[in-house]
Amino acid sequence: MDHCVKVKNQETYEKYYEKLGNWHLNVLDECDIEKIKKLLISCKNTIIITNEGEYKSLLSSIKNGDIKRAELELFLFKLDYYLAKIRCLKLELGCHVVSFNKGYKDTKTLRADFSHIYKYICSKKEVQGLYPLIHKRYGYILQGTTSDLMTLKNMKQAKYIRVYIELLCLAEEVNKLWELNVTTLKLQSVFFNPENILIKLEVISERLHKISQLYIIYTKTILKLLKKNTCFQELNPYDEATYDKINDVISYISYYDKFVIQKTFLANQNNIKKMANKVI
């Protein structure tokens, strides 16, 4: 064994050993080191990226205990519920464009008024005769709403308008949910509409899930993979330093075998020298 390599192994081993006074180490209990390393890198990257973005305050508050993990998970559960419904509606709407040129009072009234028109069109297949004159209160929809730049006339158009109205209602509900949690979860203000809601929610959901998953990855996977190598102090899964400490443990375990081989080699060399001296 090259002398420089032996010295480096010993120095590296001792460097990591000194850092691990708060750990109970059982290096004989073999760990999947490569898998742990990948998880450590992933978790650390999540924390670094989050600390550079708009969810920095949220992560900091969870780390400090000001926000409970359950609060974030409940919020995510509600967001994902809306996200699933919005995906389905967006799929139905496709690339069709709906617009309300004369505006509307509110989504509740719009939905109620359009339901009457939709029932009529379902039975007649199109807007006929005196219906617009008899139902002037729906004029803002009948004359003011377009589907692919065409005024409402038939069942196909009515279906796309109905889907778009549902998207409007969901966007309103998501806006209310967001505003209710802005202060509690340290969020920045965001406005959702039918055009941007799917893209925005998917990005938000992905980022918040990564924060939420830190606890699960740490407790359910990393700690289990470490086996009997445990820390006497409780580590915080939302703290970047936690993953640096665990990385030191992994590095220690990696160098342990090399160090033991080195010690055995040196011991054998010394024994050979002693035996040679006795012979002489």
Protein backbone atom coordinates (compact mmCIF):
# COMPACT_ATOMS: atom_id res chain seq x y z
CA MET A 1 0.00 0.00 0.00
CA ASP A 2 1.37 3.42 -1.02
CA HIS A 3 2.53 5.43 2.01
CA CYS A 4 0.76 8.65 0.85
CA VAL A 5 -2.53 6.79 0.43
CA LYS A 6 -2.19 5.25 3.89
CA VAL A 7 -1.54 8.61 5.52
CA LYS A 8 -4.45 10.21 3.64
CA ASN A 9 -6.81 7.41 4.73
CA GLN A 10 -5.80 7.83 8.35
CA GLU A 11 -6.10 11.64 8.27
CA THR A 12 -9.52 11.48 6.58
CA TYR A 13 -10.78 8.85 9.01
CA GLU A 14 -9.63 10.87 12.02
CA LYS A 15 -11.13 14.09 10.60
CA TYR A 16 -14.59 12.54 10.30
CA TYR A 17 -14.29 10.64 13.58
CA GLU A 18 -13.71 13.90 15.49
CA LYS A 19 -16.92 15.38 14.05
CA LEU A 20 -19.13 12.52 15.17
CA GLY A 21 -19.07 12.81 18.96
CA ASN A 22 -22.89 13.01 19.05
CA TRP A 23 -23.34 9.80 17.08
CA HIS A 24 -23.61 6.16 18.05
CA LEU A 25 -21.88 4.41 15.18
CA ASN A 26 -22.15 0.79 14.17
CA VAL A 27 -20.09 0.47 11.02
CA LEU A 28 -20.49 -3.30 10.93
CA ASP A 29 -24.21 -2.82 10.23
CA GLU A 30 -23.81 -2.32 6.48
CA CYS A 31 -25.64 0.65 4.89
CA ASP A 32 -26.55 1.36 1.28
CA ILE A 33 -24.12 4.26 1.12
CA GLU A 34 -24.76 5.22 -2.52
CA LYS A 35 -28.52 5.36 -2.02
CA ILE A 36 -28.13 7.51 1.11
CA LYS A 37 -25.77 9.87 -0.74
CA LYS A 38 -28.32 10.42 -3.52
CA LEU A 39 -31.06 11.17 -0.99
CA LEU A 40 -28.80 13.59 0.91
CA ILE A 41 -27.99 15.49 -2.28
CA SER A 42 -31.67 15.62 -3.26
CA CYS A 43 -32.83 16.91 0.14
CA LYS A 44 -30.01 19.43 0.40
CA ASN A 45 -30.74 20.75 -3.10
CA THR A 46 -34.42 21.16 -2.21
CA ILE A 47 -33.48 23.28 0.81
CA ILE A 48 -30.93 25.38 -1.13
CA ILE A 49 -33.34 26.06 -4.01
CA THR A 50 -36.21 26.84 -1.62
CA ASN A 51 -34.05 29.28 0.35
CA GLU A 52 -33.35 31.15 -2.87
CA GLY A 53 -37.03 31.41 -3.87
CA GLU A 54 -40.46 32.62 -2.81
CA TYR A 55 -41.00 29.83 -0.24
CA LYS A 56 -37.97 30.73 1.88
CA SER A 57 -40.15 32.11 4.72
CA LEU A 58 -42.37 29.01 4.66
CA LEU A 59 -39.39 26.65 4.96
CA SER A 60 -37.82 28.76 7.71
CA SER A 61 -41.09 28.79 9.69
CA ILE A 62 -41.49 25.00 9.42
CA LYS A 63 -37.86 24.54 10.44
CA ASN A 64 -38.35 26.75 13.51
CA GLY A 65 -41.68 25.13 14.42
CA ASP A 66 -43.76 28.27 13.78
CA ILE A 67 -45.70 26.37 11.12
CA LYS A 68 -46.77 22.77 11.73
CA ARG A 69 -46.09 20.19 9.03
CA ALA A 70 -49.76 19.17 9.22
CA GLU A 71 -50.83 22.69 8.22
CA LEU A 72 -48.80 22.52 5.01
CA GLU A 73 -50.01 18.99 4.25
CA LEU A 74 -53.67 19.99 4.68
CA PHE A 75 -53.15 22.98 2.39
CA LEU A 76 -51.47 20.73 -0.20
CA PHE A 77 -54.30 18.20 0.03
CA LYS A 78 -56.80 20.94 -0.86
CA LEU A 79 -54.61 22.33 -3.65
CA ASP A 80 -54.19 18.86 -5.17
CA TYR A 81 -57.95 18.32 -5.03
CA TYR A 82 -58.47 21.46 -7.10
CA LEU A 83 -55.56 20.61 -9.37
CA ALA A 84 -57.08 17.22 -10.27
CA LYS A 85 -60.42 18.83 -11.18
CA ILE A 86 -58.74 21.61 -13.17
CA ARG A 87 -56.68 19.09 -15.19
CA CYS A 88 -59.87 17.30 -16.23
CA LEU A 89 -61.62 20.55 -17.20
CA LYS A 90 -58.59 21.80 -19.14
CA LEU A 91 -58.53 18.50 -21.01
CA GLU A 92 -62.22 18.94 -21.91
CA LEU A 93 -61.71 22.54 -23.02
CA GLY A 94 -58.66 21.75 -25.11
CA CYS A 95 -57.55 24.69 -27.27
CA HIS A 96 -61.04 26.25 -27.49
CA VAL A 97 -61.33 29.89 -26.45
CA VAL A 98 -64.28 31.27 -24.46
CA SER A 99 -64.82 34.93 -23.63
CA PHE A 100 -67.52 37.00 -21.91
CA ASN A 101 -67.54 40.23 -23.90
CA LYS A 102 -70.30 41.88 -21.84
CA GLY A 103 -68.90 40.70 -18.52
CA TYR A 104 -70.90 39.16 -15.69
CA LYS A 105 -72.00 40.07 -12.18
CA ASP A 106 -70.32 37.17 -10.35
CA THR A 107 -69.51 33.51 -10.98
CA LYS A 108 -72.41 32.26 -8.84
CA THR A 109 -74.98 34.21 -10.91
CA LEU A 110 -73.20 33.33 -14.16
CA ARG A 111 -73.26 29.61 -13.35
CA ALA A 112 -76.94 29.69 -12.31
CA ASP A 113 -78.04 31.65 -15.39
CA PHE A 114 -76.04 29.51 -17.79
CA SER A 115 -77.49 26.31 -16.29
CA HIS A 116 -80.95 27.42 -17.56
CA ILE A 117 -79.55 28.10 -21.03
CA TYR A 118 -77.65 24.80 -21.03
CA LYS A 119 -80.79 22.80 -20.15
CA TYR A 120 -82.65 24.55 -22.97
CA ILE A 121 -79.91 23.85 -25.52
CA CYS A 122 -79.66 20.21 -24.36
CA SER A 123 -83.35 19.74 -25.21
CA LYS A 124 -83.42 21.84 -28.41
CA LYS A 125 -79.81 21.27 -29.57
CA GLU A 126 -79.50 24.99 -30.41
CA VAL A 127 -80.79 28.47 -29.50
CA GLN A 128 -84.10 28.84 -31.36
CA GLY A 129 -86.86 31.34 -32.09
CA LEU A 130 -88.05 33.63 -29.35
CA TYR A 131 -85.92 32.22 -26.55
CA PRO A 132 -83.53 35.23 -26.47
CA LEU A 133 -86.47 37.66 -26.43
CA ILE A 134 -88.37 35.80 -23.71
CA HIS A 135 -85.27 35.41 -21.54
CA LYS A 136 -83.71 38.87 -21.83
CA ARG A 137 -82.04 38.46 -18.44
CA TYR A 138 -79.69 35.96 -20.09
CA GLY A 139 -78.81 38.39 -22.87
CA TYR A 140 -75.35 39.07 -21.44
CA ILE A 141 -74.62 35.37 -22.05
CA LEU A 142 -76.57 34.79 -25.28
CA GLN A 143 -75.25 37.90 -27.05
CA GLY A 144 -72.09 38.56 -25.07
CA THR A 145 -70.47 35.13 -24.81
CA THR A 146 -68.37 33.63 -27.58
CA SER A 147 -66.84 30.21 -28.09
CA ASP A 148 -63.97 30.33 -30.58
CA LEU A 149 -65.09 33.88 -31.51
CA MET A 150 -68.61 32.69 -32.40
CA THR A 151 -71.76 33.76 -30.51
CA LEU A 152 -73.49 30.96 -28.58
CA LYS A 153 -75.78 29.02 -30.93
CA ASN A 154 -75.36 25.27 -30.50
CA MET A 155 -74.67 22.39 -28.12
CA LYS A 156 -70.96 22.10 -28.92
CA GLN A 157 -70.35 25.75 -28.03
CA ALA A 158 -72.48 25.40 -24.90
CA LYS A 159 -70.31 22.52 -23.65
CA TYR A 160 -67.12 24.56 -23.92
CA ILE A 161 -68.73 27.55 -22.23
CA ARG A 162 -69.97 25.33 -19.39
CA VAL A 163 -66.46 23.95 -18.87
CA TYR A 164 -64.96 27.44 -18.89
CA ILE A 165 -67.48 28.64 -16.29
CA GLU A 166 -66.49 25.72 -14.06
CA LEU A 167 -62.86 26.78 -14.46
CA LEU A 168 -63.82 30.33 -13.48
CA CYS A 169 -65.52 29.04 -10.33
CA LEU A 170 -62.57 26.83 -9.40
CA ALA A 171 -60.11 29.69 -9.96
CA GLU A 172 -62.20 31.80 -7.59
CA GLU A 173 -62.17 29.04 -4.96
CA VAL A 174 -58.40 28.58 -5.27
CA ASN A 175 -57.88 32.34 -4.92
CA LYS A 176 -59.92 32.28 -1.70
CA LEU A 177 -57.98 29.27 -0.37
CA TRP A 178 -54.68 30.96 -1.18
CA GLU A 179 -55.65 34.24 0.48
CA LEU A 180 -56.78 32.38 3.61
CA ASN A 181 -53.31 30.83 3.93
CA VAL A 182 -51.08 33.72 2.82
CA THR A 183 -50.36 34.84 6.37
CA THR A 184 -50.43 31.42 8.06
CA LEU A 185 -48.04 29.75 5.60
CA LYS A 186 -45.95 32.86 4.81
CA LEU A 187 -46.97 32.77 1.14
CA GLN A 188 -46.68 35.49 -1.48
CA SER A 189 -49.86 36.80 -3.12
CA VAL A 190 -50.81 35.00 -6.34
CA PHE A 191 -53.83 35.53 -8.60
CA PHE A 192 -55.27 32.56 -10.49
CA ASN A 193 -57.49 32.71 -13.58
CA PRO A 194 -58.67 30.02 -16.04
CA GLU A 195 -55.78 30.78 -18.38
CA ASN A 196 -52.89 30.47 -15.90
CA ILE A 197 -54.30 28.31 -13.11
CA LEU A 198 -53.12 24.90 -14.36
CA ILE A 199 -49.51 25.91 -15.02
CA LYS A 200 -49.23 27.92 -11.79
CA LEU A 201 -50.80 25.24 -9.60
CA GLU A 202 -48.62 22.47 -11.04
CA VAL A 203 -45.43 24.45 -10.33
CA ILE A 204 -46.62 25.45 -6.83
CA SER A 205 -47.74 21.92 -5.98
CA GLU A 206 -44.41 20.43 -7.08
CA ARG A 207 -42.36 22.91 -5.01
CA LEU A 208 -44.49 22.63 -1.89
CA HIS A 209 -44.55 18.83 -2.10
CA LYS A 210 -40.74 18.80 -2.17
CA ILE A 211 -40.71 20.80 1.07
CA SER A 212 -43.33 18.52 2.63
CA GLN A 213 -41.45 15.39 1.50
CA LEU A 214 -38.27 16.39 3.36
CA TYR A 215 -39.68 15.01 6.61
CA ILE A 216 -40.88 11.77 5.02
CA ILE A 217 -37.62 11.12 3.12
CA TYR A 218 -35.60 11.80 6.27
CA THR A 219 -37.66 9.77 8.77
CA LYS A 220 -38.94 6.95 6.57
CA THR A 221 -35.97 6.38 4.29
CA ILE A 222 -32.67 7.97 5.36
CA LEU A 223 -32.90 7.00 9.05
CA LYS A 224 -33.88 3.44 8.11
CA LEU A 225 -30.99 3.18 5.65
CA LEU A 226 -28.57 4.36 8.37
CA LYS A 227 -29.73 1.39 10.47
CA LYS A 228 -27.98 1.39 13.89
CA ASN A 229 -25.95 4.51 13.14
CA THR A 230 -27.93 7.02 15.18
CA CYS A 231 -27.50 10.55 16.51
CA PHE A 232 -27.97 11.30 20.23
CA GLN A 233 -29.44 14.70 19.31
CA GLU A 234 -32.65 15.18 17.33
CA LEU A 235 -31.87 16.44 13.83
CA ASN A 236 -34.13 18.79 11.86
CA PRO A 237 -35.10 17.47 8.39
CA TYR A 238 -35.69 21.06 7.18
CA ASP A 239 -32.15 22.15 8.08
CA GLU A 240 -29.37 21.95 5.48
CA ALA A 241 -26.84 21.19 8.25
CA THR A 242 -28.65 17.90 9.02
CA TYR A 243 -27.68 16.46 5.65
CA ASP A 244 -24.08 17.66 6.01
CA LYS A 245 -23.86 15.81 9.35
CA ILE A 246 -25.27 12.62 7.87
CA ASN A 247 -22.85 12.97 4.96
CA ASP A 248 -20.01 13.00 7.51
CA VAL A 249 -21.34 9.72 8.92
CA ILE A 250 -21.41 8.19 5.44
CA SER A 251 -17.89 9.45 4.74
CA TYR A 252 -16.71 7.98 8.07
CA ILE A 253 -18.23 4.60 7.21
CA SER A 254 -16.66 4.76 3.72
CA TYR A 255 -13.19 5.39 5.12
CA TYR A 256 -13.57 2.95 8.01
CA ASP A 257 -12.86 -0.14 5.91
CA LYS A 258 -9.85 1.53 4.29
CA PHE A 259 -8.55 2.55 7.70
CA VAL A 260 -9.02 -0.95 9.17
CA ILE A 261 -7.21 -2.48 6.19
CA GLN A 262 -4.44 0.06 6.67
CA LYS A 263 -4.14 -0.71 10.41
CA THR A 264 -4.04 -4.44 9.69
CA PHE A 265 -1.39 -3.90 7.04
CA LEU A 266 0.76 -1.76 9.37
CA ALA A 267 0.35 -4.26 12.23
CA ASN A 268 1.48 -7.10 9.97
CA GLN A 269 4.45 -5.05 8.80
CA ASN A 270 5.46 -4.37 12.42
CA ASN A 271 5.11 -8.06 13.33
CA ILE A 272 7.30 -9.03 10.39
CA LYS A 273 9.95 -6.50 11.47
CA LYS A 274 9.86 -7.78 15.07
CA MET A 275 10.23 -11.37 13.92
CA ALA A 276 13.09 -10.36 11.63
CA ASN A 277 14.85 -8.55 14.48
CA LYS A 278 14.51 -11.60 16.73
CA VAL A 279 16.05 -13.80 14.07
CA ILE A 280 18.95 -11.39 13.68
